Amino acid sequence: MATKKSALACSECGSRNYSKAVNDANRTERLEVKKFCKYCKKHTLHRETK
């Protein structure tokens, strides 16, 4: 099964800082992780984008 890459974007400034390999079998909701944003200079919620 092939995995595809998706980007994680900061919820405050919108910059796409991280990428993650994702297996899309049977997934309906998007991934949400608290990570450090180098542009906001703080930990913010990052959401999966397409």
N, C-alpha and C. Protein backbone atom coordinates (compact mmCIF):
# COMPACT_ATOMS: atom_id res chain seq x y z
N MET A 1 0.83 -1.19 0.00
CA MET A 1 0.00 0.00 0.00
C MET A 1 0.88 1.25 0.00
N ALA A 2 0.54 2.19 -0.83
CA ALA A 2 1.36 3.40 -0.95
C ALA A 2 0.97 4.42 0.11
N THR A 3 1.96 5.09 0.63
CA THR A 3 1.69 6.19 1.56
C THR A 3 1.89 7.49 0.84
N LYS A 4 1.11 8.49 1.19
CA LYS A 4 1.27 9.79 0.57
C LYS A 4 1.72 10.80 1.61
N LYS A 5 2.30 11.89 1.15
CA LYS A 5 2.77 12.92 2.06
C LYS A 5 1.69 13.98 2.24
N SER A 6 1.55 14.45 3.46
CA SER A 6 0.67 15.58 3.72
C SER A 6 1.42 16.58 4.58
N ALA A 7 1.08 17.84 4.44
CA ALA A 7 1.76 18.90 5.17
C ALA A 7 0.98 19.24 6.43
N LEU A 8 1.71 19.68 7.46
CA LEU A 8 1.09 20.18 8.68
C LEU A 8 1.25 21.69 8.71
N ALA A 9 0.15 22.41 8.75
CA ALA A 9 0.17 23.87 8.71
C ALA A 9 -0.17 24.44 10.08
N CYS A 10 0.49 25.52 10.43
CA CYS A 10 0.24 26.21 11.69
C CYS A 10 -1.16 26.82 11.66
N SER A 11 -1.90 26.68 12.76
CA SER A 11 -3.27 27.21 12.79
C SER A 11 -3.29 28.72 12.99
N GLU A 12 -2.20 29.33 13.47
CA GLU A 12 -2.18 30.77 13.69
C GLU A 12 -1.68 31.55 12.48
N CYS A 13 -0.50 31.18 11.94
CA CYS A 13 0.05 31.95 10.82
C CYS A 13 -0.18 31.27 9.47
N GLY A 14 -0.51 29.98 9.45
CA GLY A 14 -0.83 29.29 8.20
C GLY A 14 0.37 28.74 7.45
N SER A 15 1.58 28.88 7.98
CA SER A 15 2.76 28.38 7.28
C SER A 15 2.84 26.86 7.42
N ARG A 16 3.27 26.22 6.35
CA ARG A 16 3.39 24.76 6.34
C ARG A 16 4.80 24.39 6.75
N ASN A 17 4.97 23.99 8.01
CA ASN A 17 6.29 23.77 8.58
C ASN A 17 6.74 22.32 8.55
N TYR A 18 5.82 21.38 8.60
CA TYR A 18 6.17 19.97 8.73
C TYR A 18 5.48 19.15 7.66
N SER A 19 6.08 18.01 7.31
CA SER A 19 5.42 17.06 6.41
C SER A 19 5.46 15.69 7.07
N LYS A 20 4.46 14.87 6.73
CA LYS A 20 4.33 13.58 7.38
C LYS A 20 3.83 12.57 6.35
N ALA A 21 4.38 11.36 6.37
CA ALA A 21 3.90 10.29 5.52
C ALA A 21 2.64 9.71 6.15
N VAL A 22 1.56 9.64 5.37
CA VAL A 22 0.25 9.26 5.91
C VAL A 22 -0.32 8.11 5.09
N ASN A 23 -0.84 7.10 5.78
CA ASN A 23 -1.57 6.02 5.15
C ASN A 23 -3.05 6.36 5.21
N ASP A 24 -3.69 6.56 4.07
CA ASP A 24 -5.06 7.08 4.02
C ASP A 24 -6.16 6.01 4.10
N ALA A 25 -5.83 4.79 4.44
CA ALA A 25 -6.84 3.76 4.53
C ALA A 25 -7.75 4.01 5.74
N ASN A 26 -9.03 4.23 5.48
CA ASN A 26 -10.06 4.37 6.52
C ASN A 26 -9.85 5.55 7.44
N ARG A 27 -9.33 6.67 6.96
CA ARG A 27 -9.18 7.88 7.79
C ARG A 27 -10.20 8.91 7.35
N THR A 28 -10.89 9.51 8.32
CA THR A 28 -11.89 10.52 7.98
C THR A 28 -11.52 11.89 8.53
N GLU A 29 -10.94 11.96 9.72
CA GLU A 29 -10.60 13.27 10.29
C GLU A 29 -9.14 13.60 10.03
N ARG A 30 -8.82 14.88 10.12
CA ARG A 30 -7.46 15.35 9.87
C ARG A 30 -6.63 15.30 11.15
N LEU A 31 -5.33 15.11 10.96
CA LEU A 31 -4.40 15.03 12.08
C LEU A 31 -4.17 16.42 12.68
N GLU A 32 -4.19 16.51 14.01
CA GLU A 32 -3.92 17.75 14.72
C GLU A 32 -2.88 17.49 15.79
N VAL A 33 -1.75 18.22 15.74
CA VAL A 33 -0.64 18.01 16.66
C VAL A 33 -0.13 19.36 17.12
N LYS A 34 0.25 19.47 18.40
CA LYS A 34 0.89 20.69 18.89
C LYS A 34 2.38 20.59 18.59
N LYS A 35 2.89 21.53 17.78
CA LYS A 35 4.29 21.53 17.40
C LYS A 35 4.82 22.96 17.46
N PHE A 36 6.14 23.10 17.39
CA PHE A 36 6.76 24.41 17.45
C PHE A 36 6.76 25.05 16.07
N CYS A 37 6.28 26.30 15.99
CA CYS A 37 6.30 27.07 14.75
C CYS A 37 7.46 28.05 14.82
N LYS A 38 8.38 27.97 13.87
CA LYS A 38 9.54 28.86 13.90
C LYS A 38 9.20 30.28 13.50
N TYR A 39 8.05 30.50 12.85
CA TYR A 39 7.65 31.85 12.47
C TYR A 39 6.90 32.55 13.61
N CYS A 40 6.07 31.83 14.34
CA CYS A 40 5.38 32.39 15.50
C CYS A 40 6.27 32.35 16.74
N LYS A 41 7.29 31.51 16.73
CA LYS A 41 8.23 31.32 17.84
C LYS A 41 7.54 30.82 19.11
N LYS A 42 6.56 29.91 18.92
CA LYS A 42 5.90 29.28 20.06
C LYS A 42 5.23 27.98 19.61
N HIS A 43 4.81 27.18 20.57
CA HIS A 43 4.09 25.94 20.26
C HIS A 43 2.64 26.26 19.91
N THR A 44 2.22 25.81 18.74
CA THR A 44 0.86 26.04 18.28
C THR A 44 0.28 24.74 17.74
N LEU A 45 -1.02 24.75 17.50
CA LEU A 45 -1.68 23.60 16.94
C LEU A 45 -1.43 23.57 15.42
N HIS A 46 -0.94 22.44 14.92
CA HIS A 46 -0.70 22.27 13.50
C HIS A 46 -1.71 21.25 12.98
N ARG A 47 -2.38 21.60 11.87
CA ARG A 47 -3.38 20.73 11.29
C ARG A 47 -2.92 20.21 9.94
N GLU A 48 -3.38 19.02 9.61
CA GLU A 48 -3.04 18.39 8.34
C GLU A 48 -3.72 19.12 7.18
N THR A 49 -2.97 19.38 6.12
CA THR A 49 -3.52 19.98 4.91
C THR A 49 -3.38 18.97 3.78
N LYS A 50 -3.92 19.31 2.63
CA LYS A 50 -3.84 18.39 1.50
C LYS A 50 -2.55 18.55 0.74
